[in-house]
């Protein structure tokens, strides 16, 4: 964003011209040519917003680093404008929110230009156990810009692909478990999942009140820091944000220093030192870069400790999804008002709504009762014990952060069998705990990217941003996608 701000400051380009350039690129790259299909809808008001920001700049009013910057928003986040908010579901087509989600209002206050909405894995990848990431019944299949037969991963598929392909300056995704980190890794960009409560979830179609958060998806760590700071704030409509008081900061970019790794103790996830030889080779190179920048590394086995918590977490998500979606639909402008009605709509429109996979996850959620059930209460207690596990591991080893391969190389799109794993995924520990996690490009194999993760305890965004920035500047592993047909 610094380069774009400099062009606008010197008069080489206006926000309106920049916005039009992104519209032209979306038309050339997303809707024709490679056909990425990352953008589900463009904002008809974007050029007018950009013109307003240009007028303010000319009058000497600058709102901050996002002033005049075009941003794409995942299509499960309310925008109180002419665009729909559908979570990619045909059942929610026509849902136009009466007002912005809290973080969107903060974006507008920061001077950002809402460029459009991005496609996603339908219902944020919580519809079926055999789903294909990046596919939604409203938006179709998003493709990976590095190889069009490869999956961009989910559920923030469109946001990751759009940032990678330079369809916007920055984007916003959401995550319950891996939905920012995994697509960022698979699309060769930076993804930051904040501590749950740093950003409000008001106005976002939910999965889990315990694990959900939105977060930045960008091409650089510094841009993620700018975007993170712009959207923080205590929101009376999302009680968890109260915990951020005294812990949130307005300026996270100030921690982007090249020497941030010097003297730091970094835990290295031991289990990923074996596996796919190309991923392991990149991982070992990343570890050597940490050492070269003055960090001390200590092998740890966090995944072994948190893996048993996966099933309790899934139980929590089932209960909270039903509760949260019903609450959202109750006041939304959608034609369906309950999860049961969504399920019925999909059955009545099966050919269009469920051509590749069904909705057994939605049906499982609907079968659950309320949040007073013993099954839910006990599962929640187990799931959030990830916080104690991480905190104790970091305290015992005197760690500033824990690092790992974020995920493996992008897998192929498979609408017959659904998603299949790469053998690497480091999303769950931070997701279960609600802790901060950032991924940075780690390198490429046969032209396909993989990411390198930094995570820490609650409210340690400044720490992980600084460490990730120092690694990013020392490694310089990000590369532009080539839109190859297949790999």
Protein backbone atom coordinates (compact mmCIF):
# COMPACT_ATOMS: atom_id res chain seq x y z
CA UNK A 1 0.00 0.00 0.00
CA UNK A 2 2.91 2.36 0.58
CA UNK A 3 3.68 2.45 -3.16
CA UNK A 4 0.05 3.14 -4.04
CA UNK A 5 -0.16 5.91 -1.44
CA UNK A 6 2.99 7.48 -2.87
CA UNK A 7 1.48 7.48 -6.37
CA UNK A 8 -1.67 9.14 -5.07
CA UNK A 9 0.33 11.61 -2.98
CA UNK A 10 2.41 12.72 -5.96
CA UNK A 11 -0.58 12.88 -8.31
CA UNK A 12 0.64 10.09 -10.59
CA UNK A 13 -2.61 8.23 -9.97
CA UNK A 14 -5.92 8.95 -8.29
CA UNK A 15 -7.97 6.52 -6.24
CA UNK A 16 -10.62 6.61 -8.96
CA UNK A 17 -8.04 5.68 -11.60
CA UNK A 18 -6.67 2.92 -9.37
CA UNK A 19 -10.16 1.54 -8.76
CA UNK A 20 -10.86 1.52 -12.50
CA UNK A 21 -7.58 -0.31 -13.13
CA UNK A 22 -8.66 -3.01 -10.70
CA UNK A 23 -12.07 -3.24 -12.38
CA UNK A 24 -10.28 -3.66 -15.73
CA UNK A 25 -8.03 -6.35 -14.29
CA UNK A 26 -10.97 -8.22 -12.78
CA UNK A 27 -12.63 -8.20 -16.20
CA UNK A 28 -9.45 -9.35 -17.95
CA UNK A 29 -8.21 -11.97 -15.47
CA UNK A 30 -11.16 -13.04 -13.36
CA UNK A 31 -14.07 -13.01 -15.80
CA UNK A 32 -12.17 -13.88 -18.99
CA UNK A 33 -8.67 -15.04 -19.83
CA UNK A 34 -7.59 -17.33 -16.96
CA UNK A 35 -11.15 -17.25 -15.52
CA UNK A 36 -10.11 -17.31 -11.87
CA UNK A 37 -13.68 -16.69 -10.73
CA UNK A 38 -12.48 -15.12 -7.47
CA UNK A 39 -14.85 -12.12 -7.46
CA UNK A 40 -18.52 -12.91 -6.97
CA UNK A 41 -19.78 -9.33 -7.32
CA UNK A 42 -18.36 -5.85 -7.93
CA UNK A 43 -19.52 -2.73 -6.12
CA UNK A 44 -21.40 -0.30 -8.39
CA UNK A 45 -20.59 2.49 -5.92
CA UNK A 46 -16.82 1.90 -5.87
CA UNK A 47 -15.86 4.64 -8.33
CA UNK A 48 -18.01 7.17 -6.47
CA UNK A 49 -16.35 6.24 -3.16
CA UNK A 50 -12.93 6.57 -4.80
CA UNK A 51 -13.84 10.00 -6.19
CA UNK A 52 -14.87 11.12 -2.70
CA UNK A 53 -11.54 9.97 -1.30
CA UNK A 54 -9.75 11.86 -4.06
CA UNK A 55 -11.69 15.03 -3.19
CA UNK A 56 -10.77 14.65 0.48
CA UNK A 57 -7.11 14.17 -0.41
CA UNK A 58 -7.18 17.27 -2.59
CA UNK A 59 -8.70 19.20 0.32
CA UNK A 60 -5.88 18.05 2.59
CA UNK A 61 -7.82 15.44 4.53
CA UNK A 62 -6.06 12.09 4.81
CA UNK A 63 -7.69 9.33 6.85
CA UNK A 64 -4.66 7.02 7.08
CA UNK A 65 -2.81 4.31 5.15
CA UNK A 66 -6.03 2.88 3.66
CA UNK A 67 -7.22 6.20 2.22
CA UNK A 68 -8.35 5.49 -1.35
CA UNK A 69 -7.18 1.87 -1.28
CA UNK A 70 -9.47 -0.67 -3.06
CA UNK A 71 -10.40 -3.66 -0.86
CA UNK A 72 -12.26 -6.87 -1.70
CA UNK A 73 -14.53 -8.38 0.98
CA UNK A 74 -15.46 -12.03 1.48
CA UNK A 75 -19.11 -12.67 0.66
CA UNK A 76 -20.12 -13.66 4.18
CA UNK A 77 -19.57 -10.13 5.55
CA UNK A 78 -22.42 -7.60 5.48
CA UNK A 79 -22.00 -4.45 3.44
CA UNK A 80 -24.87 -2.00 3.77
CA UNK A 81 -24.96 -1.15 0.09
CA UNK A 82 -26.15 -2.56 -3.25
CA UNK A 83 -24.08 -5.76 -2.93
CA UNK A 84 -25.47 -9.01 -1.57
CA UNK A 85 -24.17 -11.06 1.35
CA UNK A 86 -24.83 -14.75 0.73
CA UNK A 87 -21.96 -16.95 1.98
CA UNK A 88 -22.01 -18.20 -1.61
CA UNK A 89 -25.37 -19.91 -1.08
CA UNK A 90 -28.22 -19.71 -3.58
CA UNK A 91 -30.56 -19.94 -0.60
CA UNK A 92 -29.38 -16.47 0.49
CA UNK A 93 -29.41 -14.86 -2.95
CA UNK A 94 -30.96 -11.40 -2.74
CA UNK A 95 -29.84 -10.78 0.85
CA UNK A 96 -28.76 -7.14 0.97
CA UNK A 97 -27.83 -5.99 4.44
CA UNK A 98 -29.43 -2.91 5.98
CA UNK A 99 -26.11 -1.79 7.42
CA UNK A 100 -22.39 -2.54 7.34
CA UNK A 101 -20.76 -5.13 9.54
CA UNK A 102 -18.72 -3.41 12.26
CA UNK A 103 -15.40 -4.03 10.50
CA UNK A 104 -16.80 -2.70 7.20
CA UNK A 105 -17.89 0.51 8.91
CA UNK A 106 -14.34 0.78 10.28
CA UNK A 107 -12.96 0.24 6.76
CA UNK A 108 -15.09 3.04 5.37
CA UNK A 109 -13.96 5.33 8.22
CA UNK A 110 -10.36 4.49 7.26
CA UNK A 111 -11.02 5.68 3.70
CA UNK A 112 -10.97 2.30 1.96
CA UNK A 113 -12.81 1.76 -1.32
CA UNK A 114 -15.08 -1.30 -1.22
CA UNK A 115 -14.28 -2.82 -4.60
CA UNK A 116 -16.52 -5.90 -4.42
CA UNK A 117 -17.17 -9.28 -2.81
CA UNK A 118 -15.12 -12.45 -3.20
CA UNK A 119 -16.32 -15.99 -3.77
CA UNK A 120 -15.80 -18.57 -1.03
CA UNK A 121 -16.37 -22.17 -0.16
CA UNK A 122 -20.14 -22.16 0.41
CA UNK A 123 -21.18 -21.58 4.02
CA UNK A 124 -17.46 -21.08 4.75
CA UNK A 125 -16.85 -24.77 3.96
CA UNK A 126 -19.32 -26.01 6.56
CA UNK A 127 -21.92 -27.68 4.34
CA UNK A 128 -20.54 -31.14 3.59
CA UNK A 129 -17.75 -33.51 4.54
CA UNK A 130 -17.09 -34.02 0.80
CA UNK A 131 -17.05 -30.39 -0.29
CA UNK A 132 -14.73 -28.84 -2.85
CA UNK A 133 -12.98 -25.75 -1.50
CA UNK A 134 -13.52 -22.61 -3.54
CA UNK A 135 -16.91 -23.77 -4.87
CA UNK A 136 -20.24 -22.19 -4.05
CA UNK A 137 -23.65 -22.64 -5.63
CA UNK A 138 -23.90 -18.91 -6.24
CA UNK A 139 -20.33 -18.23 -7.34
CA UNK A 140 -19.09 -21.47 -8.93
CA UNK A 141 -15.49 -22.67 -8.67
CA UNK A 142 -12.62 -20.33 -7.84
CA UNK A 143 -9.26 -21.43 -9.28
CA UNK A 144 -5.72 -21.10 -8.04
CA UNK A 145 -3.81 -18.39 -9.98
CA UNK A 146 -0.61 -20.45 -9.93
CA UNK A 147 -2.25 -23.35 -11.77
CA UNK A 148 -5.89 -23.27 -12.82
CA UNK A 149 -6.46 -26.98 -12.16
CA UNK A 150 -5.32 -26.49 -8.56
CA UNK A 151 -7.50 -25.60 -5.61
CA UNK A 152 -7.08 -22.15 -3.99
CA UNK A 153 -8.11 -23.82 -0.71
CA UNK A 154 -10.85 -22.52 1.52
CA UNK A 155 -12.92 -21.07 2.72
CA UNK A 156 -11.56 -17.59 1.91
CA UNK A 157 -10.69 -18.90 -1.54
CA UNK A 158 -11.71 -15.85 -3.53
CA UNK A 159 -9.91 -13.44 -1.21
CA UNK A 160 -6.67 -15.43 -1.41
CA UNK A 161 -6.82 -15.86 -5.19
CA UNK A 162 -7.77 -12.22 -5.76
CA UNK A 163 -4.87 -10.84 -3.71
CA UNK A 164 -2.45 -13.24 -5.39
CA UNK A 165 -3.64 -12.27 -8.88
CA UNK A 166 -3.58 -8.53 -8.06
CA UNK A 167 -7.32 -8.05 -8.45
CA UNK A 168 -7.27 -5.70 -5.45
CA UNK A 169 -4.75 -4.02 -3.17
CA UNK A 170 -5.80 -6.06 -0.13
CA UNK A 171 -8.71 -8.29 0.89
CA UNK A 172 -10.54 -9.53 3.95
CA UNK A 173 -11.20 -13.19 4.67
CA UNK A 174 -12.71 -15.05 7.61
CA UNK A 175 -11.51 -18.09 9.51
CA UNK A 176 -12.95 -20.67 11.85
CA UNK A 177 -10.18 -23.24 11.33
CA UNK A 178 -7.72 -22.56 8.51
CA UNK A 179 -9.92 -20.48 6.23
CA UNK A 180 -7.49 -17.55 6.11
CA UNK A 181 -4.21 -19.38 6.65
CA UNK A 182 -4.75 -22.22 4.17
CA UNK A 183 -5.86 -20.18 1.11
CA UNK A 184 -3.15 -17.60 1.82
CA UNK A 185 -0.55 -20.37 1.87
CA UNK A 186 -1.96 -22.07 -1.24
CA UNK A 187 -2.16 -18.80 -3.18
CA UNK A 188 1.28 -17.53 -2.16
CA UNK A 189 0.22 -14.50 -0.10
CA UNK A 190 0.16 -13.28 3.51
CA UNK A 191 -2.81 -14.20 5.70
CA UNK A 192 -3.34 -13.02 9.28
CA UNK A 193 -5.86 -14.58 11.66
CA UNK A 194 -6.14 -12.24 14.66
CA UNK A 195 -6.92 -13.16 18.24
CA UNK A 196 -10.65 -13.81 18.50
CA UNK A 197 -12.07 -10.53 19.81
CA UNK A 198 -9.59 -8.15 18.19
CA UNK A 199 -12.01 -7.69 15.26
CA UNK A 200 -15.76 -7.69 15.80
CA UNK A 201 -17.80 -10.48 14.18
CA UNK A 202 -21.04 -8.45 14.14
CA UNK A 203 -22.60 -8.63 10.68
CA UNK A 204 -20.64 -11.71 9.60
CA UNK A 205 -22.49 -14.92 8.72
CA UNK A 206 -21.17 -17.18 11.48
CA UNK A 207 -19.96 -20.69 12.10
CA UNK A 208 -18.58 -20.46 15.63
CA UNK A 209 -18.81 -17.78 18.31
CA UNK A 210 -15.78 -19.42 19.92
CA UNK A 211 -13.44 -19.61 16.91
CA UNK A 212 -14.66 -17.19 14.21
CA UNK A 213 -12.75 -14.09 13.20
CA UNK A 214 -12.17 -12.05 10.07
CA UNK A 215 -8.67 -11.01 9.11
CA UNK A 216 -6.37 -9.47 6.47
CA UNK A 217 -5.20 -11.21 3.28
CA UNK A 218 -2.47 -9.22 1.55
CA UNK A 219 0.67 -9.46 -0.54
CA UNK A 220 2.95 -8.15 2.21
CA UNK A 221 3.16 -8.35 5.99
CA UNK A 222 3.17 -4.57 6.30
CA UNK A 223 -0.08 -4.31 4.36
CA UNK A 224 -1.61 -6.89 6.71
CA UNK A 225 -0.49 -4.73 9.64
CA UNK A 226 -2.11 -1.64 8.14
CA UNK A 227 -5.39 -3.46 7.50
CA UNK A 228 -5.39 -5.08 10.93
CA UNK A 229 -5.11 -1.75 12.72
CA UNK A 230 -7.85 -0.14 10.67
CA UNK A 231 -10.58 -2.59 11.71
CA UNK A 232 -10.03 -3.04 15.45
CA UNK A 233 -12.48 -1.68 17.99
CA UNK A 234 -14.70 -2.63 20.90
CA UNK A 235 -18.21 -3.41 19.68
CA UNK A 236 -21.16 -3.62 22.03
CA UNK A 237 -22.81 -6.07 19.63
CA UNK A 238 -19.93 -8.54 19.97
CA UNK A 239 -19.10 -9.04 23.63
CA UNK A 240 -15.78 -10.81 23.06
CA UNK A 241 -14.29 -7.55 21.75
CA UNK A 242 -14.38 -6.14 25.30
CA UNK A 243 -11.37 -8.33 26.10
CA UNK A 244 -9.30 -6.38 23.55
CA UNK A 245 -9.38 -3.20 25.67
CA UNK A 246 -5.86 -2.30 26.69
CA UNK A 247 -4.44 -5.00 24.41
CA UNK A 248 -5.30 -3.76 20.90
CA UNK A 249 -3.07 -1.24 19.14
CA UNK A 250 -3.81 1.28 16.43
CA UNK A 251 -0.46 0.95 14.63
CA UNK A 252 0.84 -2.55 14.02
CA UNK A 253 3.01 -1.44 11.10
CA UNK A 254 5.47 0.09 13.56
CA UNK A 255 6.52 -3.45 14.49
CA UNK A 256 7.63 -4.25 10.94
CA UNK A 257 11.36 -4.19 11.60
CA UNK A 258 13.99 -6.22 9.80
CA UNK A 259 15.81 -7.11 13.03
CA UNK A 260 12.71 -8.40 14.86
CA UNK A 261 14.01 -12.01 14.89
CA UNK A 262 17.26 -11.15 16.62
CA UNK A 263 17.51 -12.75 20.06
CA UNK A 264 14.09 -14.40 19.84
CA UNK A 265 13.34 -18.00 20.85
CA UNK A 266 11.19 -19.73 18.25
CA UNK A 267 9.50 -23.10 18.63
CA UNK A 268 9.64 -25.28 15.52
CA UNK A 269 6.90 -27.88 14.94
CA UNK A 270 8.93 -31.11 14.89
CA UNK A 271 6.38 -33.35 13.15
CA UNK A 272 6.67 -31.38 9.90
CA UNK A 273 10.40 -32.02 9.60
CA UNK A 274 9.35 -35.20 7.80
CA UNK A 275 6.87 -35.75 4.98
CA UNK A 276 6.78 -34.51 1.38
CA UNK A 277 10.45 -33.94 0.62
CA UNK A 278 9.92 -30.65 -1.26
CA UNK A 279 7.81 -29.16 1.56
CA UNK A 280 10.34 -30.33 4.15
CA UNK A 281 13.21 -28.83 2.15
CA UNK A 282 11.48 -25.42 2.08
CA UNK A 283 10.67 -25.72 5.78
CA UNK A 284 14.30 -26.43 6.66
CA UNK A 285 15.41 -23.48 4.52
CA UNK A 286 12.98 -21.24 6.41
CA UNK A 287 14.37 -22.46 9.74
CA UNK A 288 17.90 -21.63 8.59
CA UNK A 289 16.73 -18.13 7.69
CA UNK A 290 15.39 -17.70 11.22
CA UNK A 291 18.79 -18.72 12.61
CA UNK A 292 20.64 -16.44 10.22
CA UNK A 293 18.52 -13.53 11.47
CA UNK A 294 19.60 -14.19 15.04
CA UNK A 295 16.78 -16.39 16.33
CA UNK A 296 17.27 -19.46 18.49
CA UNK A 297 15.07 -22.39 17.46
CA UNK A 298 13.71 -25.14 19.72
CA UNK A 299 11.86 -28.19 18.43
CA UNK A 300 8.37 -28.64 19.89
CA UNK A 301 5.45 -30.99 19.21
CA UNK A 302 2.35 -28.83 19.49
CA UNK A 303 0.25 -30.78 16.98
CA UNK A 304 0.58 -33.98 19.00
CA UNK A 305 -0.89 -32.16 22.00
CA UNK A 306 -3.79 -30.47 20.21
CA UNK A 307 -4.80 -33.15 17.68
CA UNK A 308 -7.15 -34.93 20.17
CA UNK A 309 -9.15 -31.70 20.45
CA UNK A 310 -10.33 -31.81 16.84
CA UNK A 311 -13.46 -33.88 17.47
CA UNK A 312 -14.65 -31.83 20.49
CA UNK A 313 -14.14 -28.69 18.41
CA UNK A 314 -16.30 -30.12 15.61
CA UNK A 315 -19.08 -30.74 18.14
CA UNK A 316 -18.79 -27.14 19.33
CA UNK A 317 -19.02 -25.87 15.76
CA UNK A 318 -22.21 -27.87 15.08
CA UNK A 319 -24.04 -26.32 18.02
CA UNK A 320 -22.72 -22.81 17.48
CA UNK A 321 -23.39 -22.87 13.74
CA UNK A 322 -27.07 -23.66 14.25
CA UNK A 323 -27.40 -21.05 16.98
CA UNK A 324 -25.48 -18.36 15.10
CA UNK A 325 -26.99 -18.88 11.65
CA UNK A 326 -30.53 -18.86 13.01
CA UNK A 327 -29.75 -15.61 14.84
CA UNK A 328 -28.27 -14.07 11.68
CA UNK A 329 -31.14 -15.14 9.40
CA UNK A 330 -33.77 -13.96 11.87
CA UNK A 331 -32.99 -10.32 11.06
CA UNK A 332 -31.47 -10.68 7.58
CA UNK A 333 -33.17 -9.76 4.32
CA UNK A 334 -32.89 -13.31 2.99
CA UNK A 335 -35.91 -15.29 1.84
CA UNK A 336 -35.00 -18.09 4.26
CA UNK A 337 -35.19 -17.34 7.97
CA UNK A 338 -33.83 -20.50 9.61
CA UNK A 339 -31.24 -23.19 9.01
CA UNK A 340 -34.11 -25.65 8.52
CA UNK A 341 -35.42 -23.46 5.68
CA UNK A 342 -31.95 -23.37 4.09
CA UNK A 343 -31.86 -27.18 4.12
CA UNK A 344 -35.34 -27.35 2.61
CA UNK A 345 -34.39 -24.82 -0.10
CA UNK A 346 -31.34 -26.86 -1.08
CA UNK A 347 -33.42 -30.02 -1.37
CA UNK A 348 -36.03 -28.26 -3.50
CA UNK A 349 -33.30 -26.84 -5.76
CA UNK A 350 -30.90 -29.78 -5.65
CA UNK A 351 -29.72 -29.59 -9.28
CA UNK A 352 -28.39 -26.05 -8.81
CA UNK A 353 -27.66 -25.95 -5.09
CA UNK A 354 -26.09 -29.40 -4.66
CA UNK A 355 -24.73 -30.67 -8.01
CA UNK A 356 -21.44 -32.06 -6.62
CA UNK A 357 -21.88 -32.66 -2.89
CA UNK A 358 -24.77 -32.54 -0.46
CA UNK A 359 -25.45 -30.92 2.91
CA UNK A 360 -24.94 -33.54 5.59
CA UNK A 361 -23.04 -31.06 7.77
CA UNK A 362 -25.94 -28.62 7.70
CA UNK A 363 -28.31 -31.46 8.57
CA UNK A 364 -26.07 -32.59 11.43
CA UNK A 365 -26.07 -29.05 12.84
CA UNK A 366 -29.85 -28.82 12.55
CA UNK A 367 -30.21 -32.01 14.59
CA UNK A 368 -28.52 -30.37 17.59
CA UNK A 369 -30.41 -28.65 20.40
CA UNK A 370 -29.40 -25.47 22.23
CA UNK A 371 -26.18 -24.33 23.87
CA UNK A 372 -27.29 -25.62 27.28
CA UNK A 373 -26.78 -29.24 26.21
CA UNK A 374 -24.21 -31.19 28.22
CA UNK A 375 -22.61 -32.47 25.03
CA UNK A 376 -21.89 -28.89 23.94
CA UNK A 377 -20.68 -27.66 27.33
CA UNK A 378 -18.26 -30.56 27.76
CA UNK A 379 -16.97 -30.32 24.19
CA UNK A 380 -16.35 -26.58 24.58
CA UNK A 381 -14.32 -27.14 27.73
CA UNK A 382 -12.12 -29.66 25.92
CA UNK A 383 -11.78 -27.58 22.77
CA UNK A 384 -10.62 -24.38 24.47
CA UNK A 385 -8.07 -26.29 26.53
CA UNK A 386 -5.87 -25.59 23.50
CA UNK A 387 -5.25 -22.20 25.12
CA UNK A 388 -3.66 -23.74 28.20
CA UNK A 389 -1.66 -26.19 26.06
CA UNK A 390 -0.17 -23.40 23.94
CA UNK A 391 0.46 -21.06 26.85
CA UNK A 392 2.21 -23.76 28.89
CA UNK A 393 4.32 -24.89 25.93
CA UNK A 394 5.46 -21.34 25.26
CA UNK A 395 6.11 -20.59 28.93
CA UNK A 396 8.02 -23.83 29.57
CA UNK A 397 10.29 -23.22 26.58
CA UNK A 398 10.42 -19.43 26.98
CA UNK A 399 9.19 -18.94 23.42
CA UNK A 400 8.23 -15.77 21.58
CA UNK A 401 6.37 -17.70 18.86
CA UNK A 402 5.87 -21.13 17.33
CA UNK A 403 6.61 -21.70 13.64
CA UNK A 404 5.66 -24.39 11.17
CA UNK A 405 4.84 -25.15 7.57
CA UNK A 406 1.39 -23.58 7.11
CA UNK A 407 0.13 -26.18 4.65
CA UNK A 408 1.41 -28.26 1.77
CA UNK A 409 1.26 -27.45 -1.92
CA UNK A 410 -2.14 -26.81 -3.52
CA UNK A 411 -4.04 -29.98 -4.41
CA UNK A 412 -6.09 -30.49 -7.58
CA UNK A 413 -9.72 -29.41 -7.84
CA UNK A 414 -11.81 -32.56 -7.50
CA UNK A 415 -15.56 -32.10 -7.73
CA UNK A 416 -16.12 -35.85 -7.86
CA UNK A 417 -14.41 -36.86 -4.61
CA UNK A 418 -14.09 -33.50 -2.90
CA UNK A 419 -11.05 -32.09 -1.12
CA UNK A 420 -8.06 -34.19 -0.19
CA UNK A 421 -5.21 -33.23 2.11
CA UNK A 422 -1.58 -32.39 1.39
CA UNK A 423 -0.35 -33.96 4.63
CA UNK A 424 0.46 -30.61 6.25
CA UNK A 425 -1.85 -28.19 8.06
CA UNK A 426 -0.90 -26.06 11.03
CA UNK A 427 -4.17 -24.13 11.34
CA UNK A 428 -5.88 -25.98 14.18
CA UNK A 429 -3.87 -25.05 17.31
CA UNK A 430 -4.33 -21.28 16.91
CA UNK A 431 -7.88 -21.75 15.61
CA UNK A 432 -8.99 -23.83 18.60
CA UNK A 433 -7.38 -21.42 21.03
CA UNK A 434 -8.52 -18.26 19.24
CA UNK A 435 -4.90 -17.09 19.07
CA UNK A 436 -3.07 -15.03 16.41
CA UNK A 437 -1.53 -16.80 13.41
CA UNK A 438 0.15 -15.36 10.31
CA UNK A 439 1.41 -17.14 7.20
CA UNK A 440 4.09 -15.79 4.84
CA UNK A 441 5.25 -17.28 1.51
CA UNK A 442 7.89 -19.95 2.21
CA UNK A 443 8.81 -20.90 -1.36
CA UNK A 444 7.66 -22.87 -4.38
CA UNK A 445 7.96 -26.33 -5.93
CA UNK A 446 7.12 -26.84 -9.61
CA UNK A 447 5.67 -23.34 -9.47
CA UNK A 448 3.28 -24.09 -6.60
CA UNK A 449 3.50 -22.12 -3.32
CA UNK A 450 3.54 -23.10 0.34
CA UNK A 451 3.49 -20.88 3.41
CA UNK A 452 5.43 -20.52 6.66
CA UNK A 453 3.51 -19.88 9.90
CA UNK A 454 4.10 -17.81 13.01
CA UNK A 455 1.67 -18.12 15.93
CA UNK A 456 1.69 -17.05 19.58
CA UNK A 457 -0.55 -16.55 22.60
CA UNK A 458 -3.53 -14.20 22.81
CA UNK A 459 -3.09 -10.55 21.76
CA UNK A 460 0.46 -11.13 20.49
CA UNK A 461 -0.26 -9.71 17.02
CA UNK A 462 2.59 -7.20 17.30
CA UNK A 463 5.03 -10.02 18.05
CA UNK A 464 4.02 -12.31 15.18
CA UNK A 465 3.80 -9.41 12.73
CA UNK A 466 7.33 -8.30 13.60
CA UNK A 467 8.75 -11.81 13.31
CA UNK A 468 6.91 -12.51 10.06
CA UNK A 469 8.09 -9.22 8.58
CA UNK A 470 11.72 -9.92 9.44
CA UNK A 471 11.42 -13.38 7.86
CA UNK A 472 9.65 -11.99 4.79
CA UNK A 473 12.33 -9.35 4.19
CA UNK A 474 15.15 -11.86 4.67
CA UNK A 475 13.60 -14.59 2.51
CA UNK A 476 11.79 -12.71 -0.29
CA UNK A 477 9.88 -15.84 -1.34
CA UNK A 478 6.71 -14.28 -2.77
CA UNK A 479 6.36 -14.51 -6.55
CA UNK A 480 3.64 -13.50 -8.99
CA UNK A 481 1.37 -16.29 -10.28
CA UNK A 482 1.67 -17.40 -13.90
CA UNK A 483 -1.91 -18.64 -14.48
CA UNK A 484 -0.72 -21.94 -15.94
CA UNK A 485 -3.43 -24.26 -17.14
CA UNK A 486 -2.30 -27.19 -15.05
CA UNK A 487 0.50 -28.61 -12.94
